[in-house]
């Protein structure tokens, strides 16, 4: 009842209010991204959502399109500028996902939507992360985010699937706010972002 009806009601109401209230911030970030990183300001990428259904996720871009002499994109650590790092550290790059939440692609709380190419790499247990809508934040994000291993992330995601409730969501949102202000666990050690998932059984 909570996950299917009540949670969705809160997602719609809060995302709609946030989109209106934060519209000036959206405008400011859009202008800064276009000036410092180029266009388009919004990064679009297909991700698997509820029951593995593919949707288009929106974020503010945090990397440039710098390429080598052969036209290949340079490594993430080069394309991720200081401005892009600050966007990620403050989670401002995630603001456009409010639109995904309003549409029903995502929820405020749930396992983070990963890359489509990871789908065939999941074992049966890991695939259960798609039994709920993906989230703007989640249990794995407040318990290590990019600083923990993929194995740990999946265990935390499945824990959330098994224990999803209003109180758990409230705890995750409260902890997320603290994490954003402390800027903790943004990147994996030695990586500009997080290492690729290669499959674990």
N, C-alpha and C. Protein backbone atom coordinates (compact mmCIF):
# COMPACT_ATOMS: atom_id res chain seq x y z
N UNK A 1 0.83 -1.21 0.00
CA UNK A 1 0.00 0.00 0.00
C UNK A 1 0.87 1.26 0.00
N UNK A 2 1.85 1.31 0.90
CA UNK A 2 2.71 2.49 0.98
C UNK A 2 3.48 2.69 -0.31
N UNK A 3 4.16 1.64 -0.79
CA UNK A 3 5.04 1.77 -1.95
C UNK A 3 4.27 2.08 -3.23
N UNK A 4 3.08 1.53 -3.37
CA UNK A 4 2.34 1.66 -4.62
C UNK A 4 1.46 2.91 -4.67
N UNK A 5 0.93 3.36 -3.52
CA UNK A 5 -0.04 4.46 -3.53
C UNK A 5 0.46 5.68 -2.75
N UNK A 6 0.73 5.50 -1.47
CA UNK A 6 1.08 6.64 -0.61
C UNK A 6 2.39 7.28 -1.04
N UNK A 7 3.39 6.45 -1.30
CA UNK A 7 4.70 6.97 -1.69
C UNK A 7 4.60 7.74 -3.01
N UNK A 8 3.84 7.21 -3.96
CA UNK A 8 3.68 7.88 -5.24
C UNK A 8 2.97 9.22 -5.07
N UNK A 9 1.99 9.28 -4.18
CA UNK A 9 1.29 10.54 -3.92
C UNK A 9 2.26 11.60 -3.39
N UNK A 10 3.11 11.21 -2.44
CA UNK A 10 4.10 12.15 -1.91
C UNK A 10 5.09 12.58 -3.00
N UNK A 11 5.51 11.63 -3.83
CA UNK A 11 6.45 11.95 -4.91
C UNK A 11 5.88 13.03 -5.84
N UNK A 12 4.62 12.87 -6.23
CA UNK A 12 3.99 13.83 -7.13
C UNK A 12 3.89 15.21 -6.48
N UNK A 13 3.38 15.25 -5.27
CA UNK A 13 3.17 16.54 -4.59
C UNK A 13 4.49 17.27 -4.34
N UNK A 14 5.47 16.56 -3.79
CA UNK A 14 6.72 17.21 -3.42
C UNK A 14 7.54 17.61 -4.64
N UNK A 15 7.58 16.76 -5.67
CA UNK A 15 8.34 17.09 -6.88
C UNK A 15 7.73 18.28 -7.60
N UNK A 16 6.40 18.36 -7.63
CA UNK A 16 5.73 19.49 -8.27
C UNK A 16 6.04 20.79 -7.55
N UNK A 17 5.95 20.76 -6.22
CA UNK A 17 6.27 21.95 -5.43
C UNK A 17 7.73 22.34 -5.61
N UNK A 18 8.63 21.35 -5.58
CA UNK A 18 10.07 21.62 -5.71
C UNK A 18 10.41 22.22 -7.07
N UNK A 19 9.76 21.73 -8.13
CA UNK A 19 10.02 22.26 -9.47
C UNK A 19 9.63 23.74 -9.56
N UNK A 20 8.55 24.11 -8.89
CA UNK A 20 8.10 25.51 -8.91
C UNK A 20 9.02 26.37 -8.04
N UNK A 21 9.25 25.94 -6.82
CA UNK A 21 10.05 26.73 -5.87
C UNK A 21 11.49 26.89 -6.33
N UNK A 22 12.04 25.82 -6.91
CA UNK A 22 13.46 25.83 -7.30
C UNK A 22 13.68 26.31 -8.74
N UNK A 23 12.65 26.78 -9.41
CA UNK A 23 12.80 27.21 -10.81
C UNK A 23 13.86 28.31 -10.98
N UNK A 24 13.99 29.29 -10.05
CA UNK A 24 15.09 30.26 -10.21
C UNK A 24 16.46 29.61 -10.14
N UNK A 25 16.61 28.62 -9.25
CA UNK A 25 17.89 27.90 -9.14
C UNK A 25 18.17 27.11 -10.42
N UNK A 26 17.13 26.50 -10.99
CA UNK A 26 17.28 25.79 -12.25
C UNK A 26 17.84 26.73 -13.32
N UNK A 27 17.29 27.93 -13.38
CA UNK A 27 17.71 28.90 -14.39
C UNK A 27 19.16 29.29 -14.19
N UNK A 28 19.55 29.55 -12.94
CA UNK A 28 20.92 29.96 -12.64
C UNK A 28 21.91 28.85 -13.00
N UNK A 29 21.60 27.61 -12.59
CA UNK A 29 22.50 26.48 -12.87
C UNK A 29 22.58 26.24 -14.38
N UNK A 30 21.47 26.37 -15.08
CA UNK A 30 21.47 26.18 -16.54
C UNK A 30 22.41 27.17 -17.21
N UNK A 31 22.34 28.44 -16.81
CA UNK A 31 23.19 29.47 -17.39
C UNK A 31 24.67 29.17 -17.10
N UNK A 32 24.97 28.79 -15.86
CA UNK A 32 26.36 28.50 -15.48
C UNK A 32 26.91 27.28 -16.21
N UNK A 33 26.09 26.25 -16.35
CA UNK A 33 26.52 25.03 -17.04
C UNK A 33 26.82 25.35 -18.51
N UNK A 34 25.93 26.08 -19.15
CA UNK A 34 26.13 26.44 -20.57
C UNK A 34 27.40 27.26 -20.75
N UNK A 35 27.67 28.16 -19.79
CA UNK A 35 28.85 29.03 -19.89
C UNK A 35 30.14 28.27 -19.63
N UNK A 36 30.14 27.38 -18.62
CA UNK A 36 31.37 26.74 -18.20
C UNK A 36 31.63 25.37 -18.85
N UNK A 37 30.56 24.67 -19.24
CA UNK A 37 30.73 23.31 -19.77
C UNK A 37 30.21 23.13 -21.18
N UNK A 38 29.44 24.08 -21.67
CA UNK A 38 28.93 23.98 -23.03
C UNK A 38 27.48 23.53 -23.07
N UNK A 39 27.02 23.26 -24.27
CA UNK A 39 25.63 22.85 -24.47
C UNK A 39 25.58 21.41 -25.00
N UNK A 40 24.46 20.72 -24.80
CA UNK A 40 23.29 21.17 -24.04
C UNK A 40 23.57 21.13 -22.54
N UNK A 41 22.84 21.94 -21.78
CA UNK A 41 23.05 22.00 -20.34
C UNK A 41 22.52 20.75 -19.65
N UNK A 42 21.49 20.14 -20.24
CA UNK A 42 20.88 18.95 -19.66
C UNK A 42 21.45 17.70 -20.32
N UNK A 43 21.93 16.79 -19.50
CA UNK A 43 22.46 15.50 -19.94
C UNK A 43 21.32 14.49 -19.91
N UNK A 44 21.10 13.79 -21.02
CA UNK A 44 20.03 12.79 -21.11
C UNK A 44 20.64 11.42 -21.33
N UNK A 45 20.15 10.43 -20.62
CA UNK A 45 20.67 9.07 -20.78
C UNK A 45 19.60 8.06 -20.40
N UNK A 46 19.52 6.99 -21.18
CA UNK A 46 18.55 5.95 -20.88
C UNK A 46 19.02 5.12 -19.70
N UNK A 47 18.10 4.83 -18.78
CA UNK A 47 18.39 4.03 -17.61
C UNK A 47 17.24 3.05 -17.37
N UNK A 48 17.51 1.90 -16.75
CA UNK A 48 16.42 0.97 -16.41
C UNK A 48 15.73 1.40 -15.12
N UNK A 49 14.39 1.34 -15.11
CA UNK A 49 13.63 1.75 -13.95
C UNK A 49 12.83 0.62 -13.34
N UNK A 50 11.61 0.92 -12.94
CA UNK A 50 10.72 -0.05 -12.29
C UNK A 50 10.51 -1.24 -13.21
N UNK A 51 10.77 -2.45 -12.68
CA UNK A 51 10.68 -3.70 -13.44
C UNK A 51 11.64 -3.72 -14.63
N UNK A 52 12.69 -2.91 -14.60
CA UNK A 52 13.68 -2.88 -15.66
C UNK A 52 13.25 -2.12 -16.89
N UNK A 53 12.11 -1.43 -16.82
CA UNK A 53 11.63 -0.66 -17.97
C UNK A 53 12.54 0.54 -18.21
N UNK A 54 12.92 0.74 -19.47
CA UNK A 54 13.87 1.80 -19.81
C UNK A 54 13.18 3.17 -19.85
N UNK A 55 13.81 4.16 -19.23
CA UNK A 55 13.31 5.54 -19.30
C UNK A 55 14.49 6.47 -19.55
N UNK A 56 14.18 7.70 -19.91
CA UNK A 56 15.23 8.70 -20.15
C UNK A 56 15.40 9.57 -18.92
N UNK A 57 16.59 9.51 -18.33
CA UNK A 57 16.88 10.27 -17.12
C UNK A 57 17.56 11.59 -17.48
N UNK A 58 17.23 12.64 -16.71
CA UNK A 58 17.77 13.97 -16.96
C UNK A 58 18.65 14.43 -15.80
N UNK A 59 19.81 15.01 -16.16
CA UNK A 59 20.70 15.60 -15.17
C UNK A 59 21.36 16.82 -15.80
N UNK A 60 21.88 17.72 -14.96
CA UNK A 60 22.74 18.78 -15.50
C UNK A 60 24.08 18.15 -15.85
N UNK A 61 24.61 18.50 -16.99
CA UNK A 61 25.91 17.96 -17.38
C UNK A 61 26.98 18.45 -16.41
N UNK A 62 27.96 17.60 -16.15
CA UNK A 62 29.05 17.97 -15.24
C UNK A 62 30.42 17.77 -15.88
N UNK A 63 30.42 17.37 -17.16
CA UNK A 63 31.68 17.16 -17.89
C UNK A 63 31.67 17.92 -19.21
N UNK A 64 32.85 18.24 -19.69
CA UNK A 64 32.98 18.85 -21.01
C UNK A 64 32.98 17.75 -22.07
N UNK A 65 33.00 18.15 -23.33
CA UNK A 65 33.07 17.19 -24.44
C UNK A 65 34.46 17.16 -25.06
N UNK A 66 35.49 17.41 -24.28
CA UNK A 66 36.85 17.45 -24.80
C UNK A 66 37.24 16.10 -25.39
N UNK A 67 37.86 16.13 -26.57
CA UNK A 67 38.24 14.92 -27.28
C UNK A 67 39.71 14.97 -27.69
N UNK A 68 40.26 13.79 -28.00
CA UNK A 68 41.64 13.73 -28.46
C UNK A 68 41.71 14.00 -29.95
N UNK A 69 42.90 13.89 -30.53
CA UNK A 69 43.09 14.20 -31.95
C UNK A 69 42.27 13.29 -32.87
N UNK A 70 41.91 12.10 -32.39
CA UNK A 70 41.14 11.16 -33.19
C UNK A 70 39.63 11.30 -32.99
N UNK A 71 39.24 12.26 -32.16
CA UNK A 71 37.82 12.49 -31.94
C UNK A 71 37.22 11.68 -30.81
N UNK A 72 38.06 10.97 -30.06
CA UNK A 72 37.56 10.17 -28.94
C UNK A 72 37.48 11.02 -27.67
N UNK A 73 36.44 10.79 -26.88
CA UNK A 73 36.30 11.54 -25.63
C UNK A 73 37.48 11.26 -24.71
N UNK A 74 37.98 12.32 -24.07
CA UNK A 74 39.07 12.16 -23.11
C UNK A 74 38.55 11.48 -21.85
N UNK A 75 39.43 10.94 -21.00
CA UNK A 75 39.01 10.26 -19.76
C UNK A 75 38.18 11.18 -18.86
N UNK A 76 37.33 10.57 -18.04
CA UNK A 76 36.44 11.33 -17.15
C UNK A 76 37.19 12.32 -16.28
N UNK A 77 38.36 11.91 -15.74
CA UNK A 77 39.08 12.77 -14.81
C UNK A 77 39.56 14.06 -15.47
N UNK A 78 39.67 14.06 -16.81
CA UNK A 78 40.07 15.26 -17.54
C UNK A 78 38.85 16.11 -17.87
N UNK A 79 37.77 15.46 -18.27
CA UNK A 79 36.55 16.19 -18.67
C UNK A 79 35.75 16.71 -17.47
N UNK A 80 35.98 16.11 -16.29
CA UNK A 80 35.29 16.57 -15.09
C UNK A 80 36.06 17.74 -14.49
N UNK A 81 35.55 18.94 -14.71
CA UNK A 81 36.22 20.16 -14.27
C UNK A 81 35.93 20.44 -12.79
N UNK A 82 36.59 21.48 -12.28
CA UNK A 82 36.33 21.88 -10.90
C UNK A 82 34.88 22.28 -10.70
N UNK A 83 34.32 22.97 -11.67
CA UNK A 83 32.92 23.35 -11.59
C UNK A 83 32.02 22.12 -11.59
N UNK A 84 32.35 21.15 -12.45
CA UNK A 84 31.58 19.91 -12.50
C UNK A 84 31.65 19.14 -11.19
N UNK A 85 32.83 19.14 -10.58
CA UNK A 85 32.97 18.46 -9.28
C UNK A 85 32.10 19.12 -8.21
N UNK A 86 32.04 20.45 -8.25
CA UNK A 86 31.21 21.16 -7.27
C UNK A 86 29.73 20.88 -7.49
N UNK A 87 29.33 20.78 -8.75
CA UNK A 87 27.94 20.42 -9.06
C UNK A 87 27.59 19.07 -8.44
N UNK A 88 28.50 18.10 -8.60
CA UNK A 88 28.24 16.76 -8.07
C UNK A 88 28.32 16.75 -6.55
N UNK A 89 29.26 17.49 -6.00
CA UNK A 89 29.43 17.50 -4.55
C UNK A 89 28.20 18.07 -3.85
N UNK A 90 27.54 19.05 -4.49
CA UNK A 90 26.34 19.66 -3.91
C UNK A 90 25.07 18.98 -4.40
N UNK A 91 25.22 18.00 -5.29
CA UNK A 91 24.09 17.27 -5.89
C UNK A 91 23.18 18.16 -6.73
N UNK A 92 23.66 19.35 -7.13
CA UNK A 92 22.87 20.21 -7.98
C UNK A 92 22.68 19.61 -9.38
N UNK A 93 23.61 18.74 -9.78
CA UNK A 93 23.46 18.10 -11.08
C UNK A 93 22.24 17.18 -11.15
N UNK A 94 21.72 16.79 -9.97
CA UNK A 94 20.58 15.87 -9.91
C UNK A 94 19.23 16.59 -10.00
N UNK A 95 19.20 17.90 -9.94
CA UNK A 95 17.94 18.63 -9.90
C UNK A 95 16.95 18.27 -11.02
N UNK A 96 17.40 18.10 -12.28
CA UNK A 96 16.44 17.76 -13.34
C UNK A 96 15.72 16.43 -13.13
N UNK A 97 16.24 15.59 -12.25
CA UNK A 97 15.56 14.31 -11.98
C UNK A 97 14.22 14.51 -11.27
N UNK A 98 13.97 15.73 -10.78
CA UNK A 98 12.66 16.03 -10.22
C UNK A 98 11.57 15.83 -11.27
N UNK A 99 11.90 16.10 -12.52
CA UNK A 99 10.96 15.87 -13.61
C UNK A 99 10.70 14.38 -13.79
N UNK A 100 11.74 13.57 -13.66
CA UNK A 100 11.57 12.11 -13.73
C UNK A 100 10.68 11.61 -12.60
N UNK A 101 10.81 12.22 -11.42
CA UNK A 101 9.99 11.82 -10.28
C UNK A 101 8.53 12.19 -10.53
N UNK A 102 8.29 13.39 -11.03
CA UNK A 102 6.92 13.83 -11.32
C UNK A 102 6.26 12.92 -12.36
N UNK A 103 7.03 12.51 -13.36
CA UNK A 103 6.50 11.65 -14.41
C UNK A 103 6.22 10.23 -13.94
N UNK A 104 6.89 9.81 -12.87
CA UNK A 104 6.72 8.45 -12.39
C UNK A 104 7.83 7.51 -12.78
N UNK A 105 8.87 8.04 -13.45
CA UNK A 105 10.03 7.21 -13.81
C UNK A 105 10.83 6.84 -12.57
N UNK A 106 10.84 7.77 -11.60
CA UNK A 106 11.65 7.62 -10.41
C UNK A 106 10.85 7.99 -9.17
N UNK A 107 11.47 7.79 -8.02
CA UNK A 107 10.92 8.21 -6.73
C UNK A 107 12.00 9.03 -6.03
N UNK A 108 11.65 9.71 -4.96
CA UNK A 108 12.67 10.41 -4.20
C UNK A 108 13.65 9.43 -3.56
N UNK A 109 13.13 8.28 -3.12
CA UNK A 109 13.98 7.28 -2.46
C UNK A 109 13.85 5.94 -3.16
N UNK A 110 14.99 5.32 -3.42
CA UNK A 110 15.03 4.00 -4.07
C UNK A 110 16.44 3.74 -4.56
N UNK A 111 16.73 2.55 -5.06
CA UNK A 111 18.06 2.27 -5.61
C UNK A 111 18.35 3.21 -6.78
N UNK A 112 19.56 3.71 -6.86
CA UNK A 112 19.90 4.63 -7.95
C UNK A 112 19.79 3.92 -9.30
N UNK A 113 19.27 4.60 -10.33
CA UNK A 113 19.18 3.99 -11.67
C UNK A 113 20.57 3.87 -12.29
N UNK A 114 20.96 2.66 -12.64
CA UNK A 114 22.29 2.41 -13.19
C UNK A 114 22.24 2.36 -14.71
N UNK A 115 23.32 1.96 -15.34
CA UNK A 115 23.40 1.94 -16.79
C UNK A 115 22.67 0.75 -17.39
N UNK A 116 22.12 0.95 -18.58
CA UNK A 116 21.37 -0.11 -19.26
C UNK A 116 22.26 -1.32 -19.54
N UNK A 117 23.53 -1.08 -19.85
CA UNK A 117 24.42 -2.19 -20.19
C UNK A 117 24.72 -3.12 -19.02
N UNK A 118 24.35 -2.69 -17.80
CA UNK A 118 24.57 -3.55 -16.64
C UNK A 118 23.48 -4.62 -16.50
N UNK A 119 22.33 -4.43 -17.15
CA UNK A 119 21.20 -5.33 -16.96
C UNK A 119 21.53 -6.81 -17.13
N UNK A 120 22.21 -7.21 -18.21
CA UNK A 120 22.51 -8.65 -18.37
C UNK A 120 23.57 -9.18 -17.41
N UNK A 121 24.21 -8.29 -16.64
CA UNK A 121 25.27 -8.71 -15.72
C UNK A 121 24.75 -9.06 -14.33
N UNK A 122 23.50 -8.70 -14.04
CA UNK A 122 22.95 -8.95 -12.71
C UNK A 122 22.65 -10.43 -12.49
N UNK A 123 22.86 -10.90 -11.27
CA UNK A 123 22.34 -12.22 -10.91
C UNK A 123 20.89 -12.02 -10.45
N UNK A 124 20.22 -13.12 -10.11
CA UNK A 124 18.80 -13.05 -9.79
C UNK A 124 18.52 -12.13 -8.59
N UNK A 125 19.37 -12.20 -7.59
CA UNK A 125 19.17 -11.38 -6.40
C UNK A 125 19.39 -9.90 -6.71
N UNK A 126 20.44 -9.58 -7.46
CA UNK A 126 20.74 -8.20 -7.80
C UNK A 126 19.63 -7.57 -8.65
N UNK A 127 19.00 -8.39 -9.47
CA UNK A 127 17.94 -7.90 -10.34
C UNK A 127 16.72 -7.43 -9.55
N UNK A 128 16.61 -7.85 -8.30
CA UNK A 128 15.47 -7.44 -7.47
C UNK A 128 15.49 -5.95 -7.13
N UNK A 129 16.60 -5.27 -7.39
CA UNK A 129 16.65 -3.83 -7.16
C UNK A 129 15.63 -3.10 -8.02
N UNK A 130 15.15 -3.76 -9.08
CA UNK A 130 14.15 -3.15 -9.96
C UNK A 130 12.72 -3.45 -9.53
N UNK A 131 12.55 -4.04 -8.36
CA UNK A 131 11.20 -4.31 -7.85
C UNK A 131 10.54 -3.05 -7.27
N UNK A 132 11.33 -1.98 -7.15
CA UNK A 132 10.80 -0.68 -6.74
C UNK A 132 11.31 0.37 -7.73
N UNK A 133 10.69 1.55 -7.71
CA UNK A 133 11.17 2.63 -8.58
C UNK A 133 12.56 3.07 -8.14
N UNK A 134 13.43 3.41 -9.10
CA UNK A 134 14.75 3.95 -8.73
C UNK A 134 14.57 5.30 -8.06
N UNK A 135 15.58 5.72 -7.29
CA UNK A 135 15.43 6.93 -6.51
C UNK A 135 16.48 8.00 -6.76
N UNK A 136 16.13 9.21 -6.35
CA UNK A 136 17.07 10.32 -6.36
C UNK A 136 18.17 10.07 -5.32
N UNK A 137 17.78 9.43 -4.23
CA UNK A 137 18.73 8.98 -3.21
C UNK A 137 18.27 7.61 -2.73
N UNK A 138 19.12 6.93 -1.99
CA UNK A 138 18.76 5.59 -1.55
C UNK A 138 19.59 5.11 -0.36
N UNK A 139 19.29 3.91 0.08
CA UNK A 139 19.97 3.33 1.24
C UNK A 139 21.47 3.18 0.99
N UNK A 140 21.84 2.80 -0.23
CA UNK A 140 23.27 2.67 -0.57
C UNK A 140 23.95 4.04 -0.59
N UNK A 141 23.22 5.07 -1.02
CA UNK A 141 23.81 6.40 -1.11
C UNK A 141 24.12 6.98 0.27
N UNK A 142 23.32 6.66 1.27
CA UNK A 142 23.60 7.19 2.62
C UNK A 142 24.49 6.26 3.43
N UNK A 143 24.89 5.15 2.81
CA UNK A 143 25.78 4.21 3.50
C UNK A 143 27.06 3.94 2.69
N UNK A 144 27.54 5.00 2.04
CA UNK A 144 28.81 4.86 1.34
C UNK A 144 28.85 5.44 -0.05
N UNK A 145 27.69 5.45 -0.73
CA UNK A 145 27.59 6.00 -2.09
C UNK A 145 28.68 5.41 -2.99
N UNK A 146 29.54 6.26 -3.56
CA UNK A 146 30.58 5.77 -4.48
C UNK A 146 31.84 5.27 -3.79
N UNK A 147 31.88 5.30 -2.46
CA UNK A 147 33.08 4.86 -1.75
C UNK A 147 33.05 3.38 -1.40
N UNK A 148 31.92 2.69 -1.68
CA UNK A 148 31.81 1.27 -1.35
C UNK A 148 31.81 0.43 -2.62
N UNK A 149 32.00 -0.88 -2.46
CA UNK A 149 32.07 -1.78 -3.61
C UNK A 149 30.69 -2.03 -4.21
N UNK A 150 30.68 -2.55 -5.42
CA UNK A 150 29.41 -2.90 -6.06
C UNK A 150 28.67 -3.96 -5.27
N UNK A 151 29.39 -4.92 -4.73
CA UNK A 151 28.75 -5.97 -3.93
C UNK A 151 28.00 -5.38 -2.75
N UNK A 152 28.64 -4.43 -2.07
CA UNK A 152 28.00 -3.77 -0.92
C UNK A 152 26.80 -2.94 -1.36
N UNK A 153 26.95 -2.24 -2.50
CA UNK A 153 25.84 -1.42 -3.00
C UNK A 153 24.61 -2.27 -3.26
N UNK A 154 24.79 -3.41 -3.92
CA UNK A 154 23.65 -4.26 -4.25
C UNK A 154 23.00 -4.84 -2.99
N UNK A 155 23.80 -5.20 -2.02
CA UNK A 155 23.25 -5.71 -0.76
C UNK A 155 22.38 -4.65 -0.09
N UNK A 156 22.85 -3.40 -0.11
CA UNK A 156 22.09 -2.30 0.49
C UNK A 156 20.82 -2.01 -0.31
N UNK A 157 20.91 -2.10 -1.64
CA UNK A 157 19.72 -1.89 -2.48
C UNK A 157 18.65 -2.93 -2.18
N UNK A 158 19.06 -4.19 -2.07
CA UNK A 158 18.10 -5.26 -1.79
C UNK A 158 17.53 -5.13 -0.39
N UNK A 159 18.35 -4.67 0.56
CA UNK A 159 17.84 -4.42 1.90
C UNK A 159 16.69 -3.42 1.83
N UNK A 160 16.88 -2.37 1.02
CA UNK A 160 15.83 -1.36 0.90
C UNK A 160 14.57 -1.95 0.29
N UNK A 161 14.71 -2.76 -0.74
CA UNK A 161 13.55 -3.39 -1.37
C UNK A 161 12.76 -4.19 -0.33
N UNK A 162 13.47 -4.86 0.56
CA UNK A 162 12.82 -5.70 1.57
C UNK A 162 12.25 -4.91 2.75
N UNK A 163 12.72 -3.69 2.96
CA UNK A 163 12.32 -2.94 4.16
C UNK A 163 11.71 -1.58 3.86
N UNK A 164 11.32 -1.34 2.61
CA UNK A 164 10.77 -0.04 2.22
C UNK A 164 9.57 0.34 3.10
N UNK A 165 9.62 1.53 3.69
CA UNK A 165 8.52 2.02 4.52
C UNK A 165 8.66 3.54 4.63
N UNK A 166 7.63 4.18 5.15
CA UNK A 166 7.66 5.63 5.31
C UNK A 166 8.80 6.05 6.24
N UNK A 167 8.97 5.35 7.35
CA UNK A 167 10.01 5.71 8.32
C UNK A 167 11.41 5.52 7.74
N UNK A 168 11.59 4.44 6.97
CA UNK A 168 12.89 4.20 6.34
C UNK A 168 13.18 5.31 5.33
N UNK A 169 12.19 5.68 4.53
CA UNK A 169 12.38 6.75 3.55
C UNK A 169 12.70 8.08 4.24
N UNK A 170 12.01 8.35 5.33
CA UNK A 170 12.25 9.58 6.08
C UNK A 170 13.69 9.61 6.61
N UNK A 171 14.16 8.49 7.11
CA UNK A 171 15.53 8.40 7.61
C UNK A 171 16.54 8.63 6.49
N UNK A 172 16.29 8.04 5.33
CA UNK A 172 17.20 8.18 4.19
C UNK A 172 17.25 9.63 3.72
N UNK A 173 16.10 10.29 3.64
CA UNK A 173 16.06 11.68 3.20
C UNK A 173 16.81 12.58 4.19
N UNK A 174 16.59 12.36 5.48
CA UNK A 174 17.28 13.16 6.49
C UNK A 174 18.79 12.97 6.43
N UNK A 175 19.23 11.72 6.27
CA UNK A 175 20.66 11.44 6.19
C UNK A 175 21.26 11.99 4.91
N UNK A 176 20.49 11.96 3.81
CA UNK A 176 20.96 12.49 2.53
C UNK A 176 21.26 13.97 2.65
N UNK A 177 20.38 14.71 3.31
CA UNK A 177 20.59 16.15 3.49
C UNK A 177 21.90 16.40 4.23
N UNK A 178 22.17 15.61 5.27
CA UNK A 178 23.43 15.76 6.01
C UNK A 178 24.62 15.43 5.11
N UNK A 179 24.49 14.38 4.28
CA UNK A 179 25.58 13.97 3.40
C UNK A 179 25.89 15.05 2.36
N UNK A 180 24.83 15.69 1.84
CA UNK A 180 25.02 16.73 0.83
C UNK A 180 25.81 17.88 1.42
N UNK A 181 25.48 18.28 2.64
CA UNK A 181 26.18 19.40 3.27
C UNK A 181 27.61 19.04 3.66
N UNK A 182 27.85 17.75 3.97
CA UNK A 182 29.21 17.32 4.32
C UNK A 182 30.01 16.93 3.10
N UNK A 183 29.30 16.76 1.95
CA UNK A 183 29.93 16.38 0.67
C UNK A 183 30.73 15.09 0.79
N UNK A 184 30.16 14.12 1.48
CA UNK A 184 30.86 12.85 1.72
C UNK A 184 30.57 11.82 0.65
N UNK A 185 31.57 10.93 0.39
CA UNK A 185 31.43 9.75 -0.46
C UNK A 185 31.02 10.07 -1.89
N UNK A 186 31.50 11.19 -2.43
CA UNK A 186 31.12 11.57 -3.79
C UNK A 186 31.77 10.66 -4.82
N UNK A 187 33.05 10.40 -4.65
CA UNK A 187 33.80 9.61 -5.63
C UNK A 187 34.41 8.37 -5.00
N UNK A 188 34.69 7.39 -5.85
CA UNK A 188 35.40 6.21 -5.40
C UNK A 188 36.89 6.53 -5.38
N UNK A 189 37.61 6.01 -4.43
CA UNK A 189 39.03 6.33 -4.30
C UNK A 189 39.77 5.96 -5.57
N UNK A 190 40.53 6.94 -6.12
CA UNK A 190 41.29 6.70 -7.33
C UNK A 190 40.48 6.85 -8.60
N UNK A 191 39.20 7.23 -8.48
CA UNK A 191 38.34 7.36 -9.65
C UNK A 191 37.71 8.75 -9.66
N UNK A 192 37.42 9.26 -10.89
CA UNK A 192 36.73 10.54 -11.00
C UNK A 192 35.28 10.38 -10.58
N UNK A 193 34.72 9.22 -10.85
CA UNK A 193 33.35 8.92 -10.43
C UNK A 193 33.35 7.58 -9.72
N UNK A 194 32.76 6.56 -10.33
CA UNK A 194 32.77 5.21 -9.77
C UNK A 194 33.22 4.24 -10.85
N UNK A 195 33.88 3.15 -10.46
CA UNK A 195 34.32 2.18 -11.44
C UNK A 195 33.13 1.49 -12.08
N UNK A 196 33.33 0.97 -13.30
CA UNK A 196 32.25 0.26 -13.99
C UNK A 196 31.92 -1.05 -13.30
N UNK A 197 30.65 -1.44 -13.38
CA UNK A 197 30.23 -2.73 -12.87
C UNK A 197 30.51 -3.78 -13.96
N UNK A 198 31.21 -4.85 -13.59
CA UNK A 198 31.57 -5.87 -14.57
C UNK A 198 30.86 -7.19 -14.33
N UNK A 199 30.04 -7.24 -13.29
CA UNK A 199 29.27 -8.46 -13.02
C UNK A 199 29.82 -9.22 -11.83
N UNK A 200 28.92 -9.56 -10.90
CA UNK A 200 29.27 -10.35 -9.72
C UNK A 200 28.20 -11.42 -9.53
N UNK A 201 28.59 -12.64 -9.26
CA UNK A 201 27.62 -13.71 -9.05
C UNK A 201 27.72 -14.25 -7.62
